[in-house]
Amino acid sequence: MLADRAPGYVLPLVVAAALNTSAAAAWYVVWMLASAIFFVPQSAGYSLQTAIAADTSDPAFLHARA
């Protein structure tokens, strides 16, 4: 949905308008690093959800598969 992602799209525009260019550039670097760090647990959660949904008949379905 666009509604839950809109703040992430609008905030960089607001910051760019409110700060000078060098401060906005520094903030944007931090923003992108935080976004990349947030991406890791989100992706792990999606992968775990897919693994659980794939096969729940095996009681050891959370263990790594070869």
PDB file of N, CA and C in Angstrom:
ATOM      1  N   MET A   1       0.829  -1.187   0.000  1.00  0.00           N
ATOM      2  CA  MET A   1       0.000   0.000   0.000  1.00  0.00           C
ATOM      3  C   MET A   1       0.870   1.246   0.000  1.00  0.00           C
ATOM      4  N   LEU A   2       0.377   2.224  -0.659  1.00  0.00           N
ATOM      5  CA  LEU A   2       1.109   3.475  -0.721  1.00  0.00           C
ATOM      6  C   LEU A   2       1.024   4.235   0.605  1.00  0.00           C
ATOM      7  N   ALA A   3      -0.063   4.063   1.329  1.00  0.00           N
ATOM      8  CA  ALA A   3      -0.257   4.816   2.567  1.00  0.00           C
ATOM      9  C   ALA A   3       0.791   4.475   3.624  1.00  0.00           C
ATOM     10  N   ASP A   4       1.213   3.227   3.697  1.00  0.00           N
ATOM     11  CA  ASP A   4       2.207   2.882   4.714  1.00  0.00           C
ATOM     12  C   ASP A   4       3.626   3.224   4.268  1.00  0.00           C
ATOM     13  N   ARG A   5       3.845   3.442   2.983  1.00  0.00           N
ATOM     14  CA  ARG A   5       5.175   3.795   2.480  1.00  0.00           C
ATOM     15  C   ARG A   5       5.328   5.283   2.200  1.00  0.00           C
ATOM     16  N   ALA A   6       4.251   6.014   2.201  1.00  0.00           N
ATOM     17  CA  ALA A   6       4.290   7.439   1.869  1.00  0.00           C
ATOM     18  C   ALA A   6       5.220   8.245   2.773  1.00  0.00           C
ATOM     19  N   PRO A   7       5.229   8.034   4.095  1.00  0.00           N
ATOM     20  CA  PRO A   7       6.158   8.831   4.919  1.00  0.00           C
ATOM     21  C   PRO A   7       7.620   8.636   4.527  1.00  0.00           C
ATOM     22  N   GLY A   8       7.989   7.436   4.146  1.00  0.00           N
ATOM     23  CA  GLY A   8       9.356   7.191   3.723  1.00  0.00           C
ATOM     24  C   GLY A   8       9.715   7.860   2.417  1.00  0.00           C
ATOM     25  N   TYR A   9       8.724   8.109   1.581  1.00  0.00           N
ATOM     26  CA  TYR A   9       8.958   8.808   0.322  1.00  0.00           C
ATOM     27  C   TYR A   9       8.925  10.325   0.493  1.00  0.00           C
ATOM     28  N   VAL A  10       8.106  10.803   1.414  1.00  0.00           N
ATOM     29  CA  VAL A  10       7.928  12.250   1.590  1.00  0.00           C
ATOM     30  C   VAL A  10       8.995  12.852   2.502  1.00  0.00           C
ATOM     31  N   LEU A  11       9.437  12.113   3.507  1.00  0.00           N
ATOM     32  CA  LEU A  11      10.393  12.659   4.474  1.00  0.00           C
ATOM     33  C   LEU A  11      11.684  13.170   3.838  1.00  0.00           C
ATOM     34  N   PRO A  12      12.308  12.458   2.907  1.00  0.00           N
ATOM     35  CA  PRO A  12      13.513  13.037   2.281  1.00  0.00           C
ATOM     36  C   PRO A  12      13.251  14.347   1.551  1.00  0.00           C
ATOM     37  N   LEU A  13      12.073  14.485   0.974  1.00  0.00           N
ATOM     38  CA  LEU A  13      11.741  15.745   0.302  1.00  0.00           C
ATOM     39  C   LEU A  13      11.585  16.884   1.305  1.00  0.00           C
ATOM     40  N   VAL A  14      10.966  16.590   2.430  1.00  0.00           N
ATOM     41  CA  VAL A  14      10.793  17.616   3.474  1.00  0.00           C
ATOM     42  C   VAL A  14      12.145  18.024   4.037  1.00  0.00           C
ATOM     43  N   VAL A  15      13.005  17.048   4.298  1.00  0.00           N
ATOM     44  CA  VAL A  15      14.330  17.351   4.841  1.00  0.00           C
ATOM     45  C   VAL A  15      15.147  18.150   3.831  1.00  0.00           C
ATOM     46  N   ALA A  16      15.084  17.790   2.568  1.00  0.00           N
ATOM     47  CA  ALA A  16      15.831  18.520   1.544  1.00  0.00           C
ATOM     48  C   ALA A  16      15.368  19.968   1.433  1.00  0.00           C
ATOM     49  N   ALA A  17      14.079  20.182   1.646  1.00  0.00           N
ATOM     50  CA  ALA A  17      13.557  21.549   1.583  1.00  0.00           C
ATOM     51  C   ALA A  17      13.893  22.350   2.839  1.00  0.00           C
ATOM     52  N   ALA A  18      14.024  21.671   3.975  1.00  0.00           N
ATOM     53  CA  ALA A  18      14.219  22.375   5.239  1.00  0.00           C
ATOM     54  C   ALA A  18      15.694  22.649   5.550  1.00  0.00           C
ATOM     55  N   LEU A  19      16.609  21.808   5.070  1.00  0.00           N
ATOM     56  CA  LEU A  19      18.020  21.961   5.408  1.00  0.00           C
ATOM     57  C   LEU A  19      18.810  22.512   4.231  1.00  0.00           C
ATOM     58  N   ASN A  20      20.034  22.949   4.538  1.00  0.00           N
ATOM     59  CA  ASN A  20      20.916  23.362   3.436  1.00  0.00           C
ATOM     60  C   ASN A  20      21.441  22.107   2.734  1.00  0.00           C
ATOM     61  N   THR A  21      22.126  22.287   1.634  1.00  0.00           N
ATOM     62  CA  THR A  21      22.496  21.137   0.795  1.00  0.00           C
ATOM     63  C   THR A  21      23.453  20.175   1.483  1.00  0.00           C
ATOM     64  N   SER A  22      24.444  20.687   2.210  1.00  0.00           N
ATOM     65  CA  SER A  22      25.402  19.783   2.851  1.00  0.00           C
ATOM     66  C   SER A  22      24.761  19.017   4.009  1.00  0.00           C
ATOM     67  N   ALA A  23      23.907  19.657   4.774  1.00  0.00           N
ATOM     68  CA  ALA A  23      23.221  18.961   5.870  1.00  0.00           C
ATOM     69  C   ALA A  23      22.224  17.950   5.323  1.00  0.00           C
ATOM     70  N   ALA A  24      21.539  18.283   4.261  1.00  0.00           N
ATOM     71  CA  ALA A  24      20.595  17.346   3.649  1.00  0.00           C
ATOM     72  C   ALA A  24      21.326  16.146   3.069  1.00  0.00           C
ATOM     73  N   ALA A  25      22.505  16.375   2.489  1.00  0.00           N
ATOM     74  CA  ALA A  25      23.288  15.262   1.945  1.00  0.00           C
ATOM     75  C   ALA A  25      23.751  14.329   3.053  1.00  0.00           C
ATOM     76  N   ALA A  26      24.211  14.882   4.163  1.00  0.00           N
ATOM     77  CA  ALA A  26      24.633  14.051   5.297  1.00  0.00           C
ATOM     78  C   ALA A  26      23.447  13.271   5.858  1.00  0.00           C
ATOM     79  N   TRP A  27      22.308  13.923   5.971  1.00  0.00           N
ATOM     80  CA  TRP A  27      21.120  13.231   6.480  1.00  0.00           C
ATOM     81  C   TRP A  27      20.701  12.108   5.536  1.00  0.00           C
ATOM     82  N   TYR A  28      20.811  12.335   4.245  1.00  0.00           N
ATOM     83  CA  TYR A  28      20.392  11.333   3.277  1.00  0.00           C
ATOM     84  C   TYR A  28      21.280  10.086   3.354  1.00  0.00           C
ATOM     85  N   VAL A  29      22.569  10.261   3.586  1.00  0.00           N
ATOM     86  CA  VAL A  29      23.464   9.113   3.746  1.00  0.00           C
ATOM     87  C   VAL A  29      23.031   8.286   4.946  1.00  0.00           C
ATOM     88  N   VAL A  30      22.761   8.945   6.051  1.00  0.00           N
ATOM     89  CA  VAL A  30      22.306   8.239   7.253  1.00  0.00           C
ATOM     90  C   VAL A  30      20.960   7.571   6.995  1.00  0.00           C
ATOM     91  N   TRP A  31      20.082   8.233   6.297  1.00  0.00           N
ATOM     92  CA  TRP A  31      18.763   7.680   5.970  1.00  0.00           C
ATOM     93  C   TRP A  31      18.898   6.404   5.138  1.00  0.00           C
ATOM     94  N   MET A  32      19.771   6.416   4.155  1.00  0.00           N
ATOM     95  CA  MET A  32      19.963   5.239   3.301  1.00  0.00           C
ATOM     96  C   MET A  32      20.614   4.095   4.072  1.00  0.00           C
ATOM     97  N   LEU A  33      21.563   4.390   4.952  1.00  0.00           N
ATOM     98  CA  LEU A  33      22.173   3.343   5.768  1.00  0.00           C
ATOM     99  C   LEU A  33      21.149   2.719   6.708  1.00  0.00           C
ATOM    100  N   ALA A  34      20.322   3.536   7.319  1.00  0.00           N
ATOM    101  CA  ALA A  34      19.278   3.010   8.204  1.00  0.00           C
ATOM    102  C   ALA A  34      18.274   2.175   7.421  1.00  0.00           C
ATOM    103  N   SER A  35      17.952   2.589   6.218  1.00  0.00           N
ATOM    104  CA  SER A  35      17.030   1.815   5.385  1.00  0.00           C
ATOM    105  C   SER A  35      17.628   0.458   5.027  1.00  0.00           C
ATOM    106  N   ALA A  36      18.918   0.426   4.724  1.00  0.00           N
ATOM    107  CA  ALA A  36      19.585  -0.834   4.392  1.00  0.00           C
ATOM    108  C   ALA A  36      19.635  -1.756   5.597  1.00  0.00           C
ATOM    109  N   ILE A  37      19.893  -1.194   6.767  1.00  0.00           N
ATOM    110  CA  ILE A  37      19.933  -2.007   7.985  1.00  0.00           C
ATOM    111  C   ILE A  37      18.545  -2.540   8.314  1.00  0.00           C
ATOM    112  N   PHE A  38      17.516  -1.756   8.108  1.00  0.00           N
ATOM    113  CA  PHE A  38      16.153  -2.200   8.362  1.00  0.00           C
ATOM    114  C   PHE A  38      15.727  -3.290   7.388  1.00  0.00           C
ATOM    115  N   PHE A  39      16.297  -3.280   6.191  1.00  0.00           N
ATOM    116  CA  PHE A  39      15.939  -4.249   5.166  1.00  0.00           C
ATOM    117  C   PHE A  39      16.306  -5.681   5.569  1.00  0.00           C
ATOM    118  N   VAL A  40      17.383  -5.855   6.328  1.00  0.00           N
ATOM    119  CA  VAL A  40      17.864  -7.188   6.693  1.00  0.00           C
ATOM    120  C   VAL A  40      16.852  -7.954   7.549  1.00  0.00           C
ATOM    121  N   PRO A  41      16.388  -7.437   8.686  1.00  0.00           N
ATOM    122  CA  PRO A  41      15.408  -8.216   9.452  1.00  0.00           C
ATOM    123  C   PRO A  41      14.064  -8.369   8.746  1.00  0.00           C
ATOM    124  N   GLN A  42      13.708  -7.392   7.934  1.00  0.00           N
ATOM    125  CA  GLN A  42      12.461  -7.501   7.180  1.00  0.00           C
ATOM    126  C   GLN A  42      12.547  -8.662   6.197  1.00  0.00           C
ATOM    127  N   SER A  43      13.652  -8.774   5.490  1.00  0.00           N
ATOM    128  CA  SER A  43      13.827  -9.870   4.541  1.00  0.00           C
ATOM    129  C   SER A  43      13.924 -11.211   5.250  1.00  0.00           C
ATOM    130  N   ALA A  44      14.579 -11.241   6.393  1.00  0.00           N
ATOM    131  CA  ALA A  44      14.660 -12.481   7.163  1.00  0.00           C
ATOM    132  C   ALA A  44      13.272 -12.918   7.621  1.00  0.00           C
ATOM    133  N   GLY A  45      12.452 -11.984   7.990  1.00  0.00           N
ATOM    134  CA  GLY A  45      11.084 -12.305   8.383  1.00  0.00           C
ATOM    135  C   GLY A  45      10.271 -12.866   7.234  1.00  0.00           C
ATOM    136  N   TYR A  46      10.428 -12.286   6.060  1.00  0.00           N
ATOM    137  CA  TYR A  46       9.725 -12.811   4.888  1.00  0.00           C
ATOM    138  C   TYR A  46      10.193 -14.230   4.566  1.00  0.00           C
ATOM    139  N   SER A  47      11.492 -14.466   4.662  1.00  0.00           N
ATOM    140  CA  SER A  47      12.027 -15.795   4.383  1.00  0.00           C
ATOM    141  C   SER A  47      11.545 -16.815   5.400  1.00  0.00           C
ATOM    142  N   LEU A  48      11.513 -16.435   6.660  1.00  0.00           N
ATOM    143  CA  LEU A  48      11.032 -17.341   7.702  1.00  0.00           C
ATOM    144  C   LEU A  48       9.557 -17.657   7.513  1.00  0.00           C
ATOM    145  N   GLN A  49       8.780 -16.666   7.177  1.00  0.00           N
ATOM    146  CA  GLN A  49       7.358 -16.892   6.936  1.00  0.00           C
ATOM    147  C   GLN A  49       7.149 -17.842   5.760  1.00  0.00           C
ATOM    148  N   THR A  50       7.931 -17.699   4.719  1.00  0.00           N
ATOM    149  CA  THR A  50       7.831 -18.584   3.566  1.00  0.00           C
ATOM    150  C   THR A  50       8.240 -20.001   3.926  1.00  0.00           C
ATOM    151  N   ALA A  51       9.287 -20.152   4.717  1.00  0.00           N
ATOM    152  CA  ALA A  51       9.746 -21.483   5.112  1.00  0.00           C
ATOM    153  C   ALA A  51       8.712 -22.176   5.990  1.00  0.00           C
ATOM    154  N   ILE A  52       8.080 -21.436   6.867  1.00  0.00           N
ATOM    155  CA  ILE A  52       7.062 -22.027   7.737  1.00  0.00           C
ATOM    156  C   ILE A  52       5.833 -22.416   6.933  1.00  0.00           C
ATOM    157  N   ALA A  53       5.444 -21.592   5.990  1.00  0.00           N
ATOM    158  CA  ALA A  53       4.254 -21.878   5.187  1.00  0.00           C
ATOM    159  C   ALA A  53       4.492 -23.025   4.209  1.00  0.00           C
ATOM    160  N   ALA A  54       5.736 -23.272   3.851  1.00  0.00           N
ATOM    161  CA  ALA A  54       6.034 -24.286   2.841  1.00  0.00           C
ATOM    162  C   ALA A  54       5.759 -25.700   3.333  1.00  0.00           C
ATOM    163  N   ASP A  55       6.162 -26.020   4.561  1.00  0.00           N
ATOM    164  CA  ASP A  55       6.024 -27.391   5.039  1.00  0.00           C
ATOM    165  C   ASP A  55       5.873 -27.388   6.552  1.00  0.00           C
ATOM    166  N   THR A  56       4.664 -27.558   7.039  1.00  0.00           N
ATOM    167  CA  THR A  56       4.429 -27.606   8.481  1.00  0.00           C
ATOM    168  C   THR A  56       4.166 -29.020   8.973  1.00  0.00           C
ATOM    169  N   SER A  57       4.217 -30.006   8.092  1.00  0.00           N
ATOM    170  CA  SER A  57       3.990 -31.374   8.526  1.00  0.00           C
ATOM    171  C   SER A  57       5.210 -31.947   9.241  1.00  0.00           C
ATOM    172  N   ASP A  58       6.379 -31.425   8.955  1.00  0.00           N
ATOM    173  CA  ASP A  58       7.604 -31.888   9.595  1.00  0.00           C
ATOM    174  C   ASP A  58       7.797 -31.086  10.892  1.00  0.00           C
ATOM    175  N   PRO A  59       7.915 -31.761  12.037  1.00  0.00           N
ATOM    176  CA  PRO A  59       8.069 -31.012  13.301  1.00  0.00           C
ATOM    177  C   PRO A  59       9.368 -30.221  13.378  1.00  0.00           C
ATOM    178  N   ALA A  60      10.326 -30.555  12.570  1.00  0.00           N
ATOM    179  CA  ALA A  60      11.601 -29.838  12.568  1.00  0.00           C
ATOM    180  C   ALA A  60      11.677 -28.862  11.409  1.00  0.00           C
ATOM    181  N   PHE A  61      10.566 -28.231  11.069  1.00  0.00           N
ATOM    182  CA  PHE A  61      10.531 -27.385   9.885  1.00  0.00           C
ATOM    183  C   PHE A  61      11.310 -26.091  10.029  1.00  0.00           C
ATOM    184  N   LEU A  62      11.735 -25.745  11.225  1.00  0.00           N
ATOM    185  CA  LEU A  62      12.495 -24.519  11.401  1.00  0.00           C
ATOM    186  C   LEU A  62      14.001 -24.733  11.244  1.00  0.00           C
ATOM    187  N   HIS A  63      14.453 -25.975  11.125  1.00  0.00           N
ATOM    188  CA  HIS A  63      15.876 -26.254  10.977  1.00  0.00           C
ATOM    189  C   HIS A  63      16.297 -26.007   9.541  1.00  0.00           C
ATOM    190  N   ALA A  64      17.566 -25.738   9.387  1.00  0.00           N
ATOM    191  CA  ALA A  64      18.098 -25.475   8.041  1.00  0.00           C
ATOM    192  C   ALA A  64      17.978 -26.713   7.181  1.00  0.00           C
ATOM    193  N   ARG A  65      17.631 -26.472   5.958  1.00  0.00           N
ATOM    194  CA  ARG A  65      17.511 -27.573   5.005  1.00  0.00           C
ATOM    195  C   ARG A  65      18.739 -27.610   4.111  1.00  0.00           C
ATOM    196  N   ALA A  66      19.119 -28.801   3.713  1.00  0.00           N
ATOM    197  CA  ALA A  66      20.313 -28.946   2.869  1.00  0.00           C
ATOM    198  C   ALA A  66      19.982 -28.702   1.421  1.00  0.00           C
TER     199      ALA A  66
END
